[in-house]
Amino acid sequence: MARVRLNVAERREELLRATVEQIEIRGASSVRIADVASALGVSNALVLYHFSTKEKLVAAAFAYAAEADLAHLRKLLARRTTAVRRLRAAVRWYAPTGQAKGWRLWIEGWAAALREPALRKVAGDLDQRWKTELAEVIEEGAAAGEFQCADPESAAWRLTALLDGLAVQMTSYEGPLPRATMLRWTDEALARELGIDEAALTA
């Protein structure tokens, strides 16, 4: 059956989606151009036409997947409600649930970034944008008098560090921690950073 002819943007997106899937199956360091091409029934040359090296393809695929998560984070943080409620929704969504396709991709990306400068820069930039989004809402809530936080940027760093660490544990080792316990810890951490009682998170 003949393949549908795609424009450049559509083809790139198709290649990126396929690369994300192959990274989840094989790992960032093991995935090959040939794996992506075979999954789509296209030639290696076509993949290389759009992404000249495997390293650039993997970095672009990582950014593609992470941008979707960032868009969802912004949606949560833009809700018309208190900063406390927005932050709790974002932190609980960001927390690993044990079915974490997105977390597996991040962990693969962190590992591969140790050896691949292009991916290291992409992952570092994306990670900083997560922290910035959280810090801005923490700063907004503090300015509105909802809570006190003298250093929103540091608070965002500590919160994301906790969640990243939990993600490694939950994703790498099967069932080490009940989900309810993990979510209680994230609530406790958020309340501590905002200087409020934990019960105020659900008020």
C-alpha atoms as a PDB file:
ATOM      1  CA  MET A   1       0.000   0.000   0.000  1.00  0.00           C
ATOM      2  CA  ALA A   2       1.386   3.409  -0.974  1.00  0.00           C
ATOM      3  CA  ARG A   3       2.370   5.704   1.870  1.00  0.00           C
ATOM      4  CA  VAL A   4       0.597   9.036   2.240  1.00  0.00           C
ATOM      5  CA  ARG A   5       2.850  11.875   1.137  1.00  0.00           C
ATOM      6  CA  LEU A   6       3.624  14.136   4.090  1.00  0.00           C
ATOM      7  CA  ASN A   7       4.919  17.672   4.135  1.00  0.00           C
ATOM      8  CA  VAL A   8       8.202  18.442   5.911  1.00  0.00           C
ATOM      9  CA  ALA A   9       6.629  19.343   9.269  1.00  0.00           C
ATOM     10  CA  GLU A  10       4.380  16.280   9.257  1.00  0.00           C
ATOM     11  CA  ARG A  11       7.267  13.998   8.321  1.00  0.00           C
ATOM     12  CA  ARG A  12       9.480  15.377  11.076  1.00  0.00           C
ATOM     13  CA  GLU A  13       6.717  14.892  13.639  1.00  0.00           C
ATOM     14  CA  GLU A  14       6.163  11.318  12.450  1.00  0.00           C
ATOM     15  CA  LEU A  15       9.888  10.623  12.800  1.00  0.00           C
ATOM     16  CA  LEU A  16       9.998  12.177  16.257  1.00  0.00           C
ATOM     17  CA  ARG A  17       7.006  10.155  17.494  1.00  0.00           C
ATOM     18  CA  ALA A  18       8.580   6.964  16.175  1.00  0.00           C
ATOM     19  CA  THR A  19      11.904   7.832  17.810  1.00  0.00           C
ATOM     20  CA  VAL A  20      10.238   8.409  21.190  1.00  0.00           C
ATOM     21  CA  GLU A  21       8.607   4.971  20.890  1.00  0.00           C
ATOM     22  CA  GLN A  22      11.914   3.341  19.972  1.00  0.00           C
ATOM     23  CA  ILE A  23      13.714   5.042  22.863  1.00  0.00           C
ATOM     24  CA  GLU A  24      11.078   3.667  25.244  1.00  0.00           C
ATOM     25  CA  ILE A  25      11.613   0.176  23.801  1.00  0.00           C
ATOM     26  CA  ARG A  26      15.395   0.128  23.311  1.00  0.00           C
ATOM     27  CA  GLY A  27      16.847   2.962  25.349  1.00  0.00           C
ATOM     28  CA  ALA A  28      18.393   6.202  24.155  1.00  0.00           C
ATOM     29  CA  SER A  29      21.896   4.798  23.823  1.00  0.00           C
ATOM     30  CA  SER A  30      20.817   1.662  21.927  1.00  0.00           C
ATOM     31  CA  VAL A  31      18.275   3.056  19.489  1.00  0.00           C
ATOM     32  CA  ARG A  32      19.535   3.252  15.879  1.00  0.00           C
ATOM     33  CA  ILE A  33      18.510   5.232  12.828  1.00  0.00           C
ATOM     34  CA  ALA A  34      17.623   1.871  11.279  1.00  0.00           C
ATOM     35  CA  ASP A  35      15.177   1.108  14.120  1.00  0.00           C
ATOM     36  CA  VAL A  36      13.245   4.306  13.485  1.00  0.00           C
ATOM     37  CA  ALA A  37      13.280   3.815   9.714  1.00  0.00           C
ATOM     38  CA  SER A  38      12.110   0.209  10.022  1.00  0.00           C
ATOM     39  CA  ALA A  39       9.275   1.146  12.387  1.00  0.00           C
ATOM     40  CA  LEU A  40       7.915   3.546   9.768  1.00  0.00           C
ATOM     41  CA  GLY A  41       8.803   1.551   6.666  1.00  0.00           C
ATOM     42  CA  VAL A  42      11.066   4.278   5.301  1.00  0.00           C
ATOM     43  CA  SER A  43      14.746   4.398   4.355  1.00  0.00           C
ATOM     44  CA  ASN A  44      17.609   5.326   6.657  1.00  0.00           C
ATOM     45  CA  ALA A  45      18.430   8.084   4.179  1.00  0.00           C
ATOM     46  CA  LEU A  46      15.050   9.741   4.724  1.00  0.00           C
ATOM     47  CA  VAL A  47      15.591   9.847   8.487  1.00  0.00           C
ATOM     48  CA  LEU A  48      19.082  11.282   7.970  1.00  0.00           C
ATOM     49  CA  TYR A  49      17.728  13.861   5.523  1.00  0.00           C
ATOM     50  CA  HIS A  50      15.648  15.369   8.336  1.00  0.00           C
ATOM     51  CA  PHE A  51      18.086  14.695  11.202  1.00  0.00           C
ATOM     52  CA  SER A  52      21.683  14.446  10.066  1.00  0.00           C
ATOM     53  CA  THR A  53      22.887  12.313  12.993  1.00  0.00           C
ATOM     54  CA  LYS A  54      21.431   9.895  15.513  1.00  0.00           C
ATOM     55  CA  GLU A  55      22.442  12.288  18.308  1.00  0.00           C
ATOM     56  CA  LYS A  56      20.430  15.121  16.775  1.00  0.00           C
ATOM     57  CA  LEU A  57      17.446  12.829  16.217  1.00  0.00           C
ATOM     58  CA  VAL A  58      17.442  11.610  19.822  1.00  0.00           C
ATOM     59  CA  ALA A  59      17.838  15.145  21.202  1.00  0.00           C
ATOM     60  CA  ALA A  60      14.978  16.409  19.021  1.00  0.00           C
ATOM     61  CA  ALA A  61      12.749  13.480  20.023  1.00  0.00           C
ATOM     62  CA  PHE A  62      13.444  14.118  23.695  1.00  0.00           C
ATOM     63  CA  ALA A  63      12.570  17.803  23.248  1.00  0.00           C
ATOM     64  CA  TYR A  64       9.413  16.880  21.322  1.00  0.00           C
ATOM     65  CA  ALA A  65       8.134  14.655  24.133  1.00  0.00           C
ATOM     66  CA  ALA A  66       9.154  17.048  26.904  1.00  0.00           C
ATOM     67  CA  GLU A  67       7.500  20.035  25.200  1.00  0.00           C
ATOM     68  CA  ALA A  68       4.172  18.212  25.364  1.00  0.00           C
ATOM     69  CA  ASP A  69       4.628  17.769  29.114  1.00  0.00           C
ATOM     70  CA  LEU A  70       5.601  21.416  29.488  1.00  0.00           C
ATOM     71  CA  ALA A  71       2.454  22.469  27.648  1.00  0.00           C
ATOM     72  CA  HIS A  72       0.364  20.433  30.092  1.00  0.00           C
ATOM     73  CA  LEU A  73       2.230  21.920  33.054  1.00  0.00           C
ATOM     74  CA  ARG A  74       1.500  25.434  31.787  1.00  0.00           C
ATOM     75  CA  LYS A  75      -2.159  24.530  31.407  1.00  0.00           C
ATOM     76  CA  LEU A  76      -2.322  23.406  35.035  1.00  0.00           C
ATOM     77  CA  LEU A  77      -0.488  26.495  36.260  1.00  0.00           C
ATOM     78  CA  ALA A  78      -2.731  28.840  34.235  1.00  0.00           C
ATOM     79  CA  ARG A  79      -5.973  27.723  35.883  1.00  0.00           C
ATOM     80  CA  ARG A  80      -8.098  30.470  37.397  1.00  0.00           C
ATOM     81  CA  THR A  81      -7.701  29.469  41.013  1.00  0.00           C
ATOM     82  CA  THR A  82      -5.283  30.063  43.880  1.00  0.00           C
ATOM     83  CA  ALA A  83      -1.556  29.598  43.444  1.00  0.00           C
ATOM     84  CA  VAL A  84      -1.656  26.918  46.162  1.00  0.00           C
ATOM     85  CA  ARG A  85      -4.186  24.830  44.255  1.00  0.00           C
ATOM     86  CA  ARG A  86      -2.341  25.275  40.974  1.00  0.00           C
ATOM     87  CA  LEU A  87       0.955  24.259  42.535  1.00  0.00           C
ATOM     88  CA  ARG A  88      -0.529  21.191  44.213  1.00  0.00           C
ATOM     89  CA  ALA A  89      -2.167  20.090  40.956  1.00  0.00           C
ATOM     90  CA  ALA A  90       1.126  20.536  39.105  1.00  0.00           C
ATOM     91  CA  VAL A  91       3.238  18.740  41.702  1.00  0.00           C
ATOM     92  CA  ARG A  92       0.835  15.808  41.982  1.00  0.00           C
ATOM     93  CA  TRP A  93       0.631  15.500  38.192  1.00  0.00           C
ATOM     94  CA  TYR A  94       4.428  15.698  37.904  1.00  0.00           C
ATOM     95  CA  ALA A  95       4.870  13.024  40.571  1.00  0.00           C
ATOM     96  CA  PRO A  96       5.525   9.547  39.112  1.00  0.00           C
ATOM     97  CA  THR A  97       2.573   7.201  39.279  1.00  0.00           C
ATOM     98  CA  GLY A  98       4.315   3.942  38.477  1.00  0.00           C
ATOM     99  CA  GLN A  99       3.035   3.850  34.858  1.00  0.00           C
ATOM    100  CA  ALA A 100       5.486   6.479  33.858  1.00  0.00           C
ATOM    101  CA  LYS A 101       6.203   6.431  30.160  1.00  0.00           C
ATOM    102  CA  GLY A 102       7.304  10.035  30.355  1.00  0.00           C
ATOM    103  CA  TRP A 103       9.547   9.322  33.317  1.00  0.00           C
ATOM    104  CA  ARG A 104      11.231   6.427  31.537  1.00  0.00           C
ATOM    105  CA  LEU A 105      12.053   8.802  28.697  1.00  0.00           C
ATOM    106  CA  TRP A 106      13.495  11.399  31.099  1.00  0.00           C
ATOM    107  CA  ILE A 107      15.641   8.797  32.870  1.00  0.00           C
ATOM    108  CA  GLU A 108      16.903   7.513  29.522  1.00  0.00           C
ATOM    109  CA  GLY A 109      17.631  11.099  28.536  1.00  0.00           C
ATOM    110  CA  TRP A 110      19.562  11.850  31.723  1.00  0.00           C
ATOM    111  CA  ALA A 111      21.714   8.745  31.264  1.00  0.00           C
ATOM    112  CA  ALA A 112      22.446   9.410  27.581  1.00  0.00           C
ATOM    113  CA  ALA A 113      23.130  13.099  28.265  1.00  0.00           C
ATOM    114  CA  LEU A 114      26.228  12.105  30.253  1.00  0.00           C
ATOM    115  CA  ARG A 115      27.876  11.200  26.946  1.00  0.00           C
ATOM    116  CA  GLU A 116      25.989  13.277  24.367  1.00  0.00           C
ATOM    117  CA  PRO A 117      26.496  17.074  24.541  1.00  0.00           C
ATOM    118  CA  ALA A 118      23.538  17.863  22.253  1.00  0.00           C
ATOM    119  CA  LEU A 119      21.136  15.946  24.466  1.00  0.00           C
ATOM    120  CA  ARG A 120      22.719  17.375  27.622  1.00  0.00           C
ATOM    121  CA  LYS A 121      21.974  20.915  26.451  1.00  0.00           C
ATOM    122  CA  VAL A 122      18.397  20.094  25.422  1.00  0.00           C
ATOM    123  CA  ALA A 123      17.648  18.238  28.664  1.00  0.00           C
ATOM    124  CA  GLY A 124      19.248  20.958  30.782  1.00  0.00           C
ATOM    125  CA  ASP A 125      17.271  23.722  29.078  1.00  0.00           C
ATOM    126  CA  LEU A 126      13.993  21.827  29.437  1.00  0.00           C
ATOM    127  CA  ASP A 127      14.687  21.025  33.083  1.00  0.00           C
ATOM    128  CA  GLN A 128      15.341  24.698  33.811  1.00  0.00           C
ATOM    129  CA  ARG A 129      12.074  25.675  32.136  1.00  0.00           C
ATOM    130  CA  TRP A 130      10.173  23.298  34.458  1.00  0.00           C
ATOM    131  CA  LYS A 131      11.774  24.965  37.469  1.00  0.00           C
ATOM    132  CA  THR A 132      11.084  28.445  36.105  1.00  0.00           C
ATOM    133  CA  GLU A 133       7.377  27.699  35.553  1.00  0.00           C
ATOM    134  CA  LEU A 134       6.983  26.491  39.158  1.00  0.00           C
ATOM    135  CA  ALA A 135       9.064  29.336  40.592  1.00  0.00           C
ATOM    136  CA  GLU A 136       6.930  31.961  38.834  1.00  0.00           C
ATOM    137  CA  VAL A 137       3.712  30.640  40.383  1.00  0.00           C
ATOM    138  CA  ILE A 138       5.351  30.358  43.816  1.00  0.00           C
ATOM    139  CA  GLU A 139       6.461  33.982  43.469  1.00  0.00           C
ATOM    140  CA  GLU A 140       2.958  34.992  42.368  1.00  0.00           C
ATOM    141  CA  GLY A 141       1.330  33.286  45.372  1.00  0.00           C
ATOM    142  CA  ALA A 142       3.799  34.829  47.795  1.00  0.00           C
ATOM    143  CA  ALA A 143       3.188  38.296  46.324  1.00  0.00           C
ATOM    144  CA  ALA A 144      -0.577  37.777  46.707  1.00  0.00           C
ATOM    145  CA  GLY A 145      -0.133  36.902  50.381  1.00  0.00           C
ATOM    146  CA  GLU A 146      -1.293  33.295  50.048  1.00  0.00           C
ATOM    147  CA  PHE A 147       1.871  32.039  51.720  1.00  0.00           C
ATOM    148  CA  GLN A 148       5.446  33.061  52.468  1.00  0.00           C
ATOM    149  CA  CYS A 149       8.412  31.965  50.406  1.00  0.00           C
ATOM    150  CA  ALA A 150      11.551  34.091  50.420  1.00  0.00           C
ATOM    151  CA  ASP A 151      13.270  32.204  47.587  1.00  0.00           C
ATOM    152  CA  PRO A 152      10.835  30.761  44.997  1.00  0.00           C
ATOM    153  CA  GLU A 153      13.632  29.585  42.704  1.00  0.00           C
ATOM    154  CA  SER A 154      15.265  27.475  45.425  1.00  0.00           C
ATOM    155  CA  ALA A 155      11.864  26.106  46.441  1.00  0.00           C
ATOM    156  CA  ALA A 156      11.229  25.001  42.851  1.00  0.00           C
ATOM    157  CA  TRP A 157      14.646  23.334  42.719  1.00  0.00           C
ATOM    158  CA  ARG A 158      13.999  21.397  45.931  1.00  0.00           C
ATOM    159  CA  LEU A 159      10.530  20.287  44.836  1.00  0.00           C
ATOM    160  CA  THR A 160      11.670  19.068  41.434  1.00  0.00           C
ATOM    161  CA  ALA A 161      14.710  17.346  42.971  1.00  0.00           C
ATOM    162  CA  LEU A 162      12.394  15.377  45.291  1.00  0.00           C
ATOM    163  CA  LEU A 163      10.083  14.419  42.424  1.00  0.00           C
ATOM    164  CA  ASP A 164      12.980  13.464  40.144  1.00  0.00           C
ATOM    165  CA  GLY A 165      14.400  11.223  42.854  1.00  0.00           C
ATOM    166  CA  LEU A 166      11.043   9.574  43.499  1.00  0.00           C
ATOM    167  CA  ALA A 167      10.663   9.033  39.755  1.00  0.00           C
ATOM    168  CA  VAL A 168      13.948   7.141  39.572  1.00  0.00           C
ATOM    169  CA  GLN A 169      12.870   4.918  42.450  1.00  0.00           C
ATOM    170  CA  MET A 170       9.335   4.317  41.156  1.00  0.00           C
ATOM    171  CA  THR A 171      10.375   3.772  37.544  1.00  0.00           C
ATOM    172  CA  SER A 172      13.557   1.777  38.018  1.00  0.00           C
ATOM    173  CA  TYR A 173      12.366  -0.545  40.772  1.00  0.00           C
ATOM    174  CA  GLU A 174       8.967  -2.192  40.648  1.00  0.00           C
ATOM    175  CA  GLY A 175       6.628  -1.195  43.452  1.00  0.00           C
ATOM    176  CA  PRO A 176       9.075   0.102  46.107  1.00  0.00           C
ATOM    177  CA  LEU A 177       6.616   2.653  47.450  1.00  0.00           C
ATOM    178  CA  PRO A 178       2.813   2.889  47.634  1.00  0.00           C
ATOM    179  CA  ARG A 179       1.473   5.700  45.484  1.00  0.00           C
ATOM    180  CA  ALA A 180      -0.441   7.128  48.465  1.00  0.00           C
ATOM    181  CA  THR A 181       2.803   7.425  50.439  1.00  0.00           C
ATOM    182  CA  MET A 182       4.578   9.153  47.578  1.00  0.00           C
ATOM    183  CA  LEU A 183       1.757  11.672  47.161  1.00  0.00           C
ATOM    184  CA  ARG A 184       1.688  12.332  50.918  1.00  0.00           C
ATOM    185  CA  TRP A 185       5.407  13.101  50.815  1.00  0.00           C
ATOM    186  CA  THR A 186       4.932  15.498  47.907  1.00  0.00           C
ATOM    187  CA  ASP A 187       2.131  17.296  49.783  1.00  0.00           C
ATOM    188  CA  GLU A 188       4.325  17.534  52.869  1.00  0.00           C
ATOM    189  CA  ALA A 189       7.211  18.941  50.820  1.00  0.00           C
ATOM    190  CA  LEU A 190       5.009  21.492  49.064  1.00  0.00           C
ATOM    191  CA  ALA A 191       3.430  22.658  52.324  1.00  0.00           C
ATOM    192  CA  ARG A 192       6.875  22.995  53.903  1.00  0.00           C
ATOM    193  CA  GLU A 193       8.198  25.065  50.994  1.00  0.00           C
ATOM    194  CA  LEU A 194       5.162  27.375  51.140  1.00  0.00           C
ATOM    195  CA  GLY A 195       5.239  27.685  54.937  1.00  0.00           C
ATOM    196  CA  ILE A 196       1.638  26.530  55.335  1.00  0.00           C
ATOM    197  CA  ASP A 197      -0.168  23.708  57.078  1.00  0.00           C
ATOM    198  CA  GLU A 198      -0.661  20.638  54.899  1.00  0.00           C
ATOM    199  CA  ALA A 199      -4.440  20.890  55.382  1.00  0.00           C
ATOM    200  CA  ALA A 200      -4.345  24.263  53.601  1.00  0.00           C
ATOM    201  CA  LEU A 201      -3.410  22.507  50.353  1.00  0.00           C
ATOM    202  CA  THR A 202      -6.939  21.149  50.028  1.00  0.00           C
ATOM    203  CA  ALA A 203      -8.808  24.108  51.534  1.00  0.00           C
END
